[in-house]
Structure formats: C-alpha cells, structure tokens
Amino acid sequence: MKIKIIKNYNTLREYLINFLLLSKKNVHKLNILKSGIKINGENVNLYKEVFKDDILEIDIELVKSNYKINNSIKINIEYEDDYLLIASKPFGIKTHPNDIENENNTLVNYLINEKSYLEPIHRLDIDTCGLVIFAKTPLVKAKLDNMLEQKQIIRYYSALVKNNISAQKIITKIGRDIHEKNKMAVTNNGKEAITNILSCKKIKENIYKLDISLETGRTHQIRVHLEYKNNSIIGDKLYSKDGYKYNNMYLGALKVEFNHPITEEKIEVTSIFNKDFKNI
C-alpha cells in the first residue's frame, strides 16, 4: 500500500499512531517487520522523520480476511481506491457472515474476490439496502473506525411512508420490546436514540419520501421511531401492519459524506438504489 503523507511528522511512528490511529500492537508488528516499510523507495525504521509529500510504502500483511469468495451476484461498487470501497447492498442480503467458514451469501462474500483484506466498518439490516463502507487494509480500518465513532462520517437514509410528517428531531429511549424479542421499542429504560427527519416529499398519492440522518445508531432506530410516530416504513414486515404486502422494505442508506481517511479530500457518494425510492 502506498500513502502520500499530507503533513510533516517528527517520526513515522508518530504518523502511524496519531494520523492513521494504528494500535501500538500493530505498530510493534511493523517495527519487527520493518523490512517492508519504505519512504520514497528506501527502507526505513519507525523513527525516520517524515515530511509532507513523502511516499510511504507498507508491504506487510498485518492481518488477513478469510471470507469465502462468491461471484454469483454482481454488486454495484459506487466508489473504490487503494484504501477503501463503498458498495450498495441490495435488499435481502446480510452485510457479513456470522459464520465465516460456512456462510458465503453476504455482501462481503460477493465483494472480496482475490483481496487479502476487506472489512466493513458498519453494517445494515438484512432488509435495508444502501451504502456500506469497507476498509481495504487494517491501517485504514483503524482510521475509519475512529471517524465513525467521532461522527465524522455522515450517513443519510431515505424511507418511504404513507403519511406526511414534518421535519423534526425525534428523541426517545429505545430498548428491547418486552412482548416480542425480535423487535425493539420506545421504552423508559432503553438507550437514548436521536433521529433527524430532514425533509418529507410527496412522491405520489399516499407515498412520501423522507430524508433522514442519525445522531445515534440503535438497532432498528429509524423503523422504531417512525412506528412511534404512527408512520411505519412501507414494506416493513416487522413494524408495519401491512408490510407483508410488499417485496421490499423501503429504507435505504442512500448517501454518505466524509473526508477521505488518507488524503482528507471530501468524499460524497450516492447509491444506485436511490432510483428505487422514486419509482415505487
């Protein structure tokens, strides 16, 4: 992997820990295997001073992904470079397997091909379509994980509902439904959940498209909050009374915005499934 350094650092170790947010354990591994580290084509140790525009090369496999390869389904890749990949997960498939030795029908299985490393930094419910961000090296995953935790990656969702609803911030607590174990619910003793309804646009008679952002990431958060507002998502078989009438649940993570973890350039990606929310 090649990385262009974007500012000066006293040592390469400082860059790896403070910018790439690599764990000290993995920095120690790099120090042991330092023959695989070069700056501007020359082998260096971790205490080499680095400067803006230096080219860092790391040819060391810290960890490998062991997902089974499955090329039976073509997945839309919306963005890809040497460091990360953003793909559109279709309705009805899992993001990653629970059992990597026996499952091969998830999004990561369809994408990994011959890559030695590919790991999602977040997931979507099986019934939710849309954008999933993958790291292509463990160095980049550490940075993306931190960016997600610090809310530096903004994910926008769209949902189709049957009733108009005003733009608003929904703040409740969400916990396990005491009556149905596979459902979540608004409760008094759950975890705080904040959903922003950014806009509501009429698509056709009795169908409205919502644009949504999240400030928290609770299980089924958007689905629970819209049911709480008596405006369940069209096709939601778990939270809508007539969800069984539809083939898909119309909830999608259709847009992401963030600064690139290595170059810090602005990344803005929209999912191919955006069209499915206009032509229902």
Protein backbone atom coordinates (compact mmCIF):
# COMPACT_ATOMS: atom_id res chain seq x y z
CA MET A 1 0.00 0.00 0.00
CA LYS A 2 1.27 3.47 -0.92
CA ILE A 3 0.33 6.56 1.07
CA LYS A 4 1.19 10.17 0.30
CA ILE A 5 2.00 11.96 3.57
CA ILE A 6 -0.04 15.17 3.84
CA LYS A 7 1.96 16.97 6.55
CA ASN A 8 5.26 16.76 8.47
CA TYR A 9 5.75 14.38 11.42
CA ASN A 10 8.74 14.01 13.74
CA THR A 11 8.75 10.23 13.23
CA LEU A 12 6.99 7.65 11.11
CA ARG A 13 5.79 6.04 14.36
CA GLU A 14 4.08 9.30 15.30
CA TYR A 15 2.35 9.41 11.91
CA LEU A 16 1.12 5.81 12.24
CA ILE A 17 -0.24 6.33 15.75
CA ASN A 18 -1.54 9.92 15.57
CA PHE A 19 -2.79 10.09 11.97
CA LEU A 20 -3.58 6.53 10.92
CA LEU A 21 -4.56 5.68 14.53
CA LEU A 22 -2.81 2.35 14.28
CA SER A 23 -2.76 0.39 17.54
CA LYS A 24 0.55 0.17 19.42
CA LYS A 25 0.32 -3.62 18.99
CA ASN A 26 0.30 -3.27 15.20
CA VAL A 27 2.98 -0.57 15.31
CA HIS A 28 5.11 -3.06 17.23
CA LYS A 29 4.47 -5.67 14.50
CA LEU A 30 5.60 -3.16 11.87
CA ASN A 31 8.74 -2.45 13.87
CA ILE A 32 9.59 -6.15 13.93
CA LEU A 33 8.89 -6.49 10.19
CA LYS A 34 10.45 -3.16 9.22
CA SER A 35 11.97 -4.52 6.01
CA GLY A 36 8.53 -3.98 4.46
CA ILE A 37 8.46 -0.24 5.17
CA LYS A 38 9.83 2.31 2.70
CA ILE A 39 9.75 6.06 2.33
CA ASN A 40 10.44 7.39 -1.15
CA GLY A 41 11.66 3.93 -2.14
CA GLU A 42 14.18 3.48 0.70
CA ASN A 43 13.85 1.07 3.64
CA VAL A 44 13.41 2.99 6.91
CA ASN A 45 12.71 2.38 10.59
CA LEU A 46 9.79 3.81 12.54
CA TYR A 47 11.88 6.68 13.91
CA LYS A 48 12.56 8.19 10.50
CA GLU A 49 11.34 11.80 10.19
CA VAL A 50 8.64 12.18 7.55
CA PHE A 51 7.66 15.21 5.51
CA LYS A 52 4.69 16.43 3.51
CA ASP A 53 4.52 14.71 0.07
CA ASP A 54 6.76 11.81 1.15
CA ILE A 55 5.51 8.49 -0.25
CA LEU A 56 5.14 5.80 2.38
CA GLU A 57 5.05 2.17 1.20
CA ILE A 58 3.96 -0.59 3.57
CA ASP A 59 4.21 -4.09 2.14
CA ILE A 60 3.33 -6.06 5.26
CA GLU A 61 0.17 -8.14 5.82
CA LEU A 62 -0.80 -7.44 9.43
CA VAL A 63 -3.99 -9.47 9.26
CA LYS A 64 -5.97 -11.26 6.54
CA SER A 65 -9.70 -11.58 5.87
CA ASN A 66 -10.85 -15.17 5.49
CA TYR A 67 -14.27 -14.79 3.90
CA LYS A 68 -15.34 -17.30 1.25
CA ILE A 69 -15.45 -15.94 -2.30
CA ASN A 70 -18.80 -15.92 -4.10
CA ASN A 71 -19.02 -14.31 -7.54
CA SER A 72 -22.61 -15.35 -8.28
CA ILE A 73 -24.04 -11.87 -7.68
CA LYS A 74 -22.70 -8.61 -9.13
CA ILE A 75 -22.67 -5.84 -6.55
CA ASN A 76 -22.62 -2.16 -7.52
CA ILE A 77 -19.38 -0.56 -6.34
CA GLU A 78 -20.05 3.17 -6.04
CA TYR A 79 -16.52 4.22 -5.08
CA GLU A 80 -13.15 2.46 -4.80
CA ASP A 81 -9.49 3.38 -4.43
CA ASP A 82 -6.42 1.73 -2.88
CA TYR A 83 -7.70 2.33 0.63
CA LEU A 84 -11.45 1.84 0.78
CA LEU A 85 -14.50 0.63 -1.10
CA ILE A 86 -18.13 1.77 -0.93
CA ALA A 87 -20.75 -0.64 -2.28
CA SER A 88 -24.55 -0.69 -2.49
CA LYS A 89 -26.02 -3.61 -0.55
CA PRO A 90 -29.21 -4.90 -2.18
CA PHE A 91 -32.38 -5.62 -0.23
CA GLY A 92 -32.44 -9.03 1.43
CA ILE A 93 -28.79 -9.92 1.97
CA LYS A 94 -26.65 -9.66 5.09
CA THR A 95 -23.65 -7.34 5.31
CA HIS A 96 -21.26 -10.02 6.58
CA PRO A 97 -21.46 -13.66 7.70
CA ASN A 98 -21.85 -14.72 11.31
CA ASP A 99 -20.02 -17.95 10.46
CA ILE A 100 -17.17 -17.20 8.04
CA GLU A 101 -16.42 -20.89 7.46
CA ASN A 102 -19.91 -21.88 6.32
CA GLU A 103 -21.67 -18.74 5.04
CA ASN A 104 -20.88 -17.34 1.62
CA ASN A 105 -24.02 -15.40 0.67
CA THR A 106 -23.38 -11.99 2.23
CA LEU A 107 -22.25 -8.67 0.80
CA VAL A 108 -18.62 -9.15 1.83
CA ASN A 109 -18.53 -12.61 0.16
CA TYR A 110 -19.74 -11.10 -3.11
CA LEU A 111 -17.10 -8.34 -2.97
CA ILE A 112 -13.92 -9.87 -1.63
CA ASN A 113 -12.79 -11.74 -4.79
CA GLU A 114 -9.00 -12.12 -4.50
CA LYS A 115 -8.49 -9.30 -1.99
CA SER A 116 -6.45 -10.36 1.03
CA TYR A 117 -8.29 -7.90 3.27
CA LEU A 118 -11.78 -6.38 3.12
CA GLU A 119 -13.75 -5.45 6.23
CA PRO A 120 -16.93 -3.40 6.69
CA ILE A 121 -16.78 -0.58 9.23
CA HIS A 122 -20.55 -0.71 9.84
CA ARG A 123 -23.49 -2.86 8.78
CA LEU A 124 -27.04 -2.56 7.51
CA ASP A 125 -30.01 -4.72 8.50
CA ILE A 126 -30.76 -7.51 6.05
CA ASP A 127 -33.94 -5.73 4.86
CA THR A 128 -32.24 -2.33 4.45
CA CYS A 129 -30.49 -1.50 1.18
CA GLY A 130 -27.75 1.01 0.53
CA LEU A 131 -24.19 2.07 1.09
CA VAL A 132 -21.67 0.11 3.15
CA ILE A 133 -18.10 1.36 3.62
CA PHE A 134 -15.26 -1.19 3.58
CA ALA A 135 -11.61 -0.77 4.54
CA LYS A 136 -9.12 -2.48 2.23
CA THR A 137 -6.28 -2.55 4.77
CA PRO A 138 -6.21 -2.79 8.58
CA LEU A 139 -4.36 0.53 8.70
CA VAL A 140 -7.28 2.28 7.00
CA LYS A 141 -9.86 0.40 9.07
CA ALA A 142 -8.42 1.81 12.29
CA LYS A 143 -8.84 5.34 10.90
CA LEU A 144 -12.35 4.74 9.54
CA ASP A 145 -13.49 3.11 12.79
CA ASN A 146 -12.41 6.21 14.70
CA MET A 147 -14.05 8.53 12.18
CA LEU A 148 -17.34 6.65 12.56
CA GLU A 149 -17.12 6.80 16.35
CA GLN A 150 -16.39 10.54 16.23
CA LYS A 151 -19.37 11.08 13.88
CA GLN A 152 -17.12 12.30 11.08
CA ILE A 153 -18.88 10.01 8.60
CA ILE A 154 -22.38 11.26 7.82
CA ARG A 155 -24.84 8.68 6.52
CA TYR A 156 -28.14 9.82 5.04
CA TYR A 157 -31.11 7.49 4.83
CA SER A 158 -34.30 7.60 2.81
CA ALA A 159 -37.58 5.93 3.73
CA LEU A 160 -40.97 5.69 2.08
CA VAL A 161 -44.03 6.13 4.28
CA LYS A 162 -47.77 6.62 3.70
CA ASN A 163 -48.34 9.85 5.60
CA ASN A 164 -46.88 13.33 5.61
CA ILE A 165 -44.61 14.19 8.55
CA SER A 166 -42.92 17.47 9.39
CA ALA A 167 -39.15 17.91 9.60
CA GLN A 168 -38.20 17.28 13.22
CA LYS A 169 -35.77 15.77 15.70
CA ILE A 170 -37.09 12.60 17.38
CA ILE A 171 -35.51 11.90 20.78
CA THR A 172 -36.54 8.84 22.79
CA LYS A 173 -35.05 5.85 24.52
CA ILE A 174 -35.04 2.55 22.61
CA GLY A 175 -34.79 -0.91 24.15
CA ARG A 176 -35.87 -4.50 23.58
CA ASP A 177 -39.63 -4.98 23.12
CA ILE A 178 -40.90 -6.85 26.19
CA HIS A 179 -43.58 -8.63 24.15
CA GLU A 180 -41.60 -9.65 21.03
CA LYS A 181 -37.91 -10.46 21.44
CA ASN A 182 -37.05 -9.80 17.78
CA LYS A 183 -38.39 -6.23 17.98
CA MET A 184 -37.17 -3.01 19.55
CA ALA A 185 -39.44 -0.37 21.05
CA VAL A 186 -39.56 3.09 22.59
CA THR A 187 -39.08 2.43 26.32
CA ASN A 188 -38.40 4.32 29.52
CA ASN A 189 -35.22 2.42 30.36
CA GLY A 190 -33.54 1.96 26.97
CA LYS A 191 -30.65 3.84 25.36
CA GLU A 192 -31.07 7.36 24.01
CA ALA A 193 -31.85 7.47 20.29
CA ILE A 194 -31.89 10.62 18.14
CA THR A 195 -33.31 10.64 14.60
CA ASN A 196 -33.47 13.73 12.39
CA ILE A 197 -36.29 13.91 9.84
CA LEU A 198 -34.69 16.34 7.40
CA SER A 199 -37.44 16.55 4.78
CA CYS A 200 -40.65 14.95 3.57
CA LYS A 201 -41.63 14.99 -0.10
CA LYS A 202 -44.79 13.61 -1.69
CA ILE A 203 -43.92 11.06 -4.40
CA LYS A 204 -47.45 10.08 -5.35
CA GLU A 205 -50.80 9.62 -3.65
CA ASN A 206 -50.24 8.24 -0.11
CA ILE A 207 -46.48 7.82 -0.61
CA TYR A 208 -43.96 10.22 0.91
CA LYS A 209 -40.17 10.11 0.76
CA LEU A 210 -38.30 11.04 3.92
CA ASP A 211 -34.67 12.08 4.08
CA ILE A 212 -33.17 11.17 7.44
CA SER A 213 -29.92 11.42 9.37
CA LEU A 214 -28.99 9.76 12.65
CA GLU A 215 -27.18 11.09 15.70
CA THR A 216 -27.16 7.65 17.32
CA GLY A 217 -27.12 4.15 15.87
CA ARG A 218 -29.54 1.99 17.86
CA THR A 219 -30.85 -1.30 16.46
CA HIS A 220 -33.86 -0.66 14.16
CA GLN A 221 -33.76 3.00 15.21
CA ILE A 222 -35.42 4.57 12.16
CA ARG A 223 -38.00 1.80 11.95
CA VAL A 224 -38.91 2.14 15.63
CA HIS A 225 -39.08 5.93 15.55
CA LEU A 226 -41.33 6.00 12.50
CA GLU A 227 -43.64 3.40 14.05
CA TYR A 228 -43.66 5.55 17.21
CA LYS A 229 -44.88 8.43 15.02
CA ASN A 230 -47.61 6.16 13.56
CA ASN A 231 -45.95 6.31 10.15
CA SER A 232 -44.23 2.94 9.64
CA ILE A 233 -41.98 2.33 6.65
CA ILE A 234 -43.66 0.85 3.59
CA GLY A 235 -42.80 -2.84 3.37
CA ASP A 236 -41.57 -3.15 6.96
CA LYS A 237 -42.76 -6.64 7.85
CA LEU A 238 -41.75 -6.25 11.49
CA TYR A 239 -43.14 -2.83 12.40
CA SER A 240 -45.85 -2.16 9.79
CA LYS A 241 -49.30 -3.76 9.85
CA ASP A 242 -49.33 -4.33 6.07
CA GLY A 243 -45.62 -4.89 5.44
CA TYR A 244 -46.36 -8.39 4.13
CA LYS A 245 -47.94 -6.85 1.04
CA TYR A 246 -44.58 -5.64 -0.29
CA ASN A 247 -41.48 -7.43 -1.58
CA ASN A 248 -39.06 -4.93 -0.01
CA MET A 249 -38.85 -2.61 2.96
CA TYR A 250 -38.27 0.89 1.60
CA LEU A 251 -35.47 2.01 3.88
CA GLY A 252 -32.08 2.74 2.36
CA ALA A 253 -28.73 4.26 3.35
CA LEU A 254 -28.50 6.18 0.10
CA LYS A 255 -25.81 8.80 0.66
CA VAL A 256 -22.55 9.18 2.62
CA GLU A 257 -20.27 12.17 3.15
CA PHE A 258 -16.85 12.24 4.83
CA ASN A 259 -13.27 13.34 4.40
CA HIS A 260 -11.02 10.65 2.97
CA PRO A 261 -9.08 8.93 5.79
CA ILE A 262 -5.73 9.30 3.98
CA THR A 263 -5.96 12.30 1.64
CA GLU A 264 -8.61 14.22 3.64
CA GLU A 265 -10.37 15.11 0.38
CA LYS A 266 -14.18 15.38 0.53
CA ILE A 267 -15.96 12.15 -0.45
CA GLU A 268 -19.67 12.21 -1.35
CA VAL A 269 -21.31 9.06 -2.69
CA THR A 270 -24.92 8.24 -3.66
CA SER A 271 -26.31 4.73 -4.02
CA ILE A 272 -27.69 3.30 -7.24
CA PHE A 273 -30.77 2.28 -5.20
CA ASN A 274 -31.77 5.94 -4.93
CA LYS A 275 -33.85 5.34 -8.07
CA ASP A 276 -35.92 2.65 -6.32
CA PHE A 277 -37.23 5.29 -3.93
CA LYS A 278 -38.58 7.41 -6.77
CA ASN A 279 -40.33 4.82 -8.93
CA ILE A 280 -42.33 2.73 -6.49
